[in-house]
Amino acid sequence: MTEGWLPVETSMLELEMPATWERFPSDDDRVIAIAKPIERYTVFRANVVIVVRDSTETVEQLGARSVAEALALPGWSHVCSDLAWTRPDFTGRVVHFLYAGEGTCVAVARSAIATGTHVLEITASCNVVDVLEFEDLFTVIASGTRLKEMA
């Protein structure tokens, strides 16, 4: 385990989260939600939601679905990119988008992989003005998340 990080494990997932962040309880082993603590001037709470679903979707279908979901959000939204996400063990998709929510512009990075039997989606969100603060952290969390069937 990396210093300053805590292991998180379910029957399907393994990852590390920042030790200062909060993990929300879930009765569903396929879902993990974590968030930065609320501080005095918090406008939008940075968070990461990880979901595993049974699915035969391809990575291209995942990217297209993420784009469609982003554009279907109520109010204003904008898709910034839909890119290949290359890791040593697989290739996935990363879709970056913005939307108006909770009185602020929210920046989202949705990383997704497909195994042929499951889909892993990692949705990381923060206030758009905090993107530079969280971008690397979100990448570390997404890159370190593993489906146990892939280990």
Protein backbone atom coordinates (compact mmCIF):
# COMPACT_ATOMS: atom_id res chain seq x y z
CA MET A 1 0.00 0.00 0.00
CA THR A 2 1.19 3.49 -0.83
CA GLU A 3 1.73 5.91 2.07
CA GLY A 4 -1.28 8.20 2.50
CA TRP A 5 -3.58 5.74 0.73
CA LEU A 6 -6.01 3.14 2.06
CA PRO A 7 -6.87 -0.16 0.38
CA VAL A 8 -10.47 -0.67 -0.70
CA GLU A 9 -11.68 -4.11 -1.65
CA THR A 10 -14.97 -5.74 -2.53
CA SER A 11 -15.66 -9.17 -3.99
CA MET A 12 -15.17 -7.64 -7.47
CA LEU A 13 -12.82 -4.66 -7.08
CA GLU A 14 -9.48 -3.58 -5.66
CA LEU A 15 -8.20 -0.02 -5.44
CA GLU A 16 -6.55 2.50 -3.17
CA MET A 17 -8.16 5.74 -2.03
CA PRO A 18 -6.64 8.82 -0.39
CA ALA A 19 -6.53 8.25 3.37
CA THR A 20 -8.16 11.64 3.99
CA TRP A 21 -11.18 10.89 1.81
CA GLU A 22 -14.48 9.36 2.94
CA ARG A 23 -15.89 6.09 1.64
CA PHE A 24 -19.66 5.91 1.53
CA PRO A 25 -21.39 2.72 2.65
CA SER A 26 -22.98 0.56 -0.04
CA ASP A 27 -24.94 -2.68 0.14
CA ASP A 28 -23.87 -3.38 -3.44
CA ASP A 29 -20.40 -4.91 -3.89
CA ARG A 30 -20.36 -3.58 -7.45
CA VAL A 31 -20.33 0.08 -6.33
CA ILE A 32 -17.70 2.11 -4.48
CA ALA A 33 -18.15 5.83 -3.84
CA ILE A 34 -15.51 8.05 -2.25
CA ALA A 35 -15.29 11.82 -1.75
CA LYS A 36 -13.01 14.51 -0.46
CA PRO A 37 -14.07 15.81 2.96
CA ILE A 38 -16.22 18.91 3.02
CA GLU A 39 -14.17 21.95 3.96
CA ARG A 40 -15.19 25.46 4.88
CA TYR A 41 -15.28 26.81 1.32
CA THR A 42 -16.34 23.64 -0.51
CA VAL A 43 -18.55 24.53 -3.49
CA PHE A 44 -18.71 21.06 -5.06
CA ARG A 45 -17.36 17.98 -3.30
CA ALA A 46 -14.79 16.17 -5.43
CA ASN A 47 -15.76 12.50 -5.71
CA VAL A 48 -15.16 9.22 -7.50
CA VAL A 49 -17.83 6.59 -8.16
CA ILE A 50 -16.76 3.16 -9.38
CA VAL A 51 -19.33 0.77 -10.84
CA VAL A 52 -19.00 -2.77 -12.19
CA ARG A 53 -21.80 -4.10 -14.38
CA ASP A 54 -22.41 -7.35 -16.22
CA SER A 55 -22.09 -6.31 -19.85
CA THR A 56 -20.83 -7.40 -23.25
CA GLU A 57 -20.38 -3.79 -24.44
CA THR A 58 -17.21 -2.97 -26.38
CA VAL A 59 -14.98 -0.06 -25.37
CA GLU A 60 -16.29 1.87 -28.37
CA GLN A 61 -19.86 1.33 -27.18
CA LEU A 62 -18.83 2.45 -23.68
CA GLY A 63 -17.40 5.68 -25.06
CA ALA A 64 -20.50 6.32 -27.16
CA ARG A 65 -22.80 5.63 -24.19
CA SER A 66 -20.78 7.97 -21.95
CA VAL A 67 -21.01 10.74 -24.56
CA ALA A 68 -24.78 10.21 -24.96
CA GLU A 69 -25.31 10.21 -21.16
CA ALA A 70 -23.27 13.42 -20.78
CA LEU A 71 -25.26 15.18 -23.50
CA ALA A 72 -28.55 13.99 -21.98
CA LEU A 73 -27.90 15.61 -18.59
CA PRO A 74 -30.55 18.17 -17.68
CA GLY A 75 -29.45 21.73 -18.34
CA TRP A 76 -26.16 22.65 -19.95
CA SER A 77 -23.50 20.05 -20.77
CA HIS A 78 -20.51 19.81 -23.09
CA VAL A 79 -18.37 16.81 -24.11
CA CYS A 80 -14.71 17.82 -24.29
CA SER A 81 -13.11 14.55 -25.40
CA ASP A 82 -13.59 10.83 -26.05
CA LEU A 83 -10.17 9.19 -26.08
CA ALA A 84 -8.49 5.81 -25.90
CA TRP A 85 -7.33 4.98 -22.36
CA THR A 86 -4.27 2.78 -22.63
CA ARG A 87 -2.90 0.85 -19.66
CA PRO A 88 -0.44 -2.06 -19.82
CA ASP A 89 -3.25 -4.57 -19.16
CA PHE A 90 -6.00 -3.20 -21.45
CA THR A 91 -7.31 -0.39 -23.61
CA GLY A 92 -10.41 1.47 -22.51
CA ARG A 93 -12.08 4.84 -23.08
CA VAL A 94 -11.97 8.14 -21.21
CA VAL A 95 -14.68 10.71 -21.80
CA HIS A 96 -14.23 14.21 -20.36
CA PHE A 97 -17.28 16.42 -20.07
CA LEU A 98 -18.67 19.45 -18.26
CA TYR A 99 -22.14 20.10 -16.91
CA ALA A 100 -23.94 22.67 -14.81
CA GLY A 101 -24.83 21.21 -11.43
CA GLU A 102 -25.19 22.25 -7.81
CA GLY A 103 -24.67 25.90 -8.78
CA THR A 104 -21.31 25.31 -10.43
CA CYS A 105 -19.69 23.96 -13.57
CA VAL A 106 -18.68 20.35 -12.86
CA ALA A 107 -15.79 18.67 -14.69
CA VAL A 108 -16.09 14.90 -15.15
CA ALA A 109 -13.64 12.26 -16.30
CA ARG A 110 -15.33 8.91 -16.96
CA SER A 111 -12.86 6.10 -17.52
CA ALA A 112 -14.20 2.74 -18.67
CA ILE A 113 -13.00 -0.70 -19.63
CA ALA A 114 -14.76 -3.73 -21.04
CA THR A 115 -13.70 -7.32 -20.35
CA GLY A 116 -16.27 -9.03 -22.55
CA THR A 117 -18.31 -10.06 -19.50
CA HIS A 118 -18.12 -6.92 -17.36
CA VAL A 119 -17.81 -3.16 -17.67
CA LEU A 120 -15.85 -1.08 -15.16
CA GLU A 121 -16.71 2.63 -15.07
CA ILE A 122 -14.82 5.12 -12.94
CA THR A 123 -16.53 8.51 -12.84
CA ALA A 124 -14.47 11.28 -11.20
CA SER A 125 -16.02 14.71 -10.69
CA CYS A 126 -14.97 18.07 -9.30
CA ASN A 127 -15.67 21.78 -9.63
CA VAL A 128 -14.15 22.90 -12.96
CA VAL A 129 -11.97 25.45 -11.14
CA ASP A 130 -10.42 22.55 -9.17
CA VAL A 131 -9.50 20.39 -12.18
CA LEU A 132 -5.77 21.07 -11.88
CA GLU A 133 -5.90 20.11 -8.19
CA PHE A 134 -7.61 16.76 -8.82
CA GLU A 135 -6.64 15.67 -12.34
CA ASP A 136 -3.56 13.66 -11.31
CA LEU A 137 -5.32 12.19 -8.26
CA PHE A 138 -8.24 11.04 -10.42
CA THR A 139 -5.81 9.44 -12.88
CA VAL A 140 -4.01 7.58 -10.07
CA ILE A 141 -7.29 6.24 -8.67
CA ALA A 142 -8.57 5.17 -12.10
CA SER A 143 -5.25 3.61 -13.11
CA GLY A 144 -5.01 1.66 -9.86
CA THR A 145 -8.55 0.26 -9.91
CA ARG A 146 -8.66 -3.43 -10.78
CA LEU A 147 -11.42 -5.90 -11.45
CA LYS A 148 -10.49 -9.03 -9.55
CA GLU A 149 -11.25 -11.14 -12.62
CA MET A 150 -8.46 -9.25 -14.41
CA ALA A 151 -5.85 -9.65 -11.64
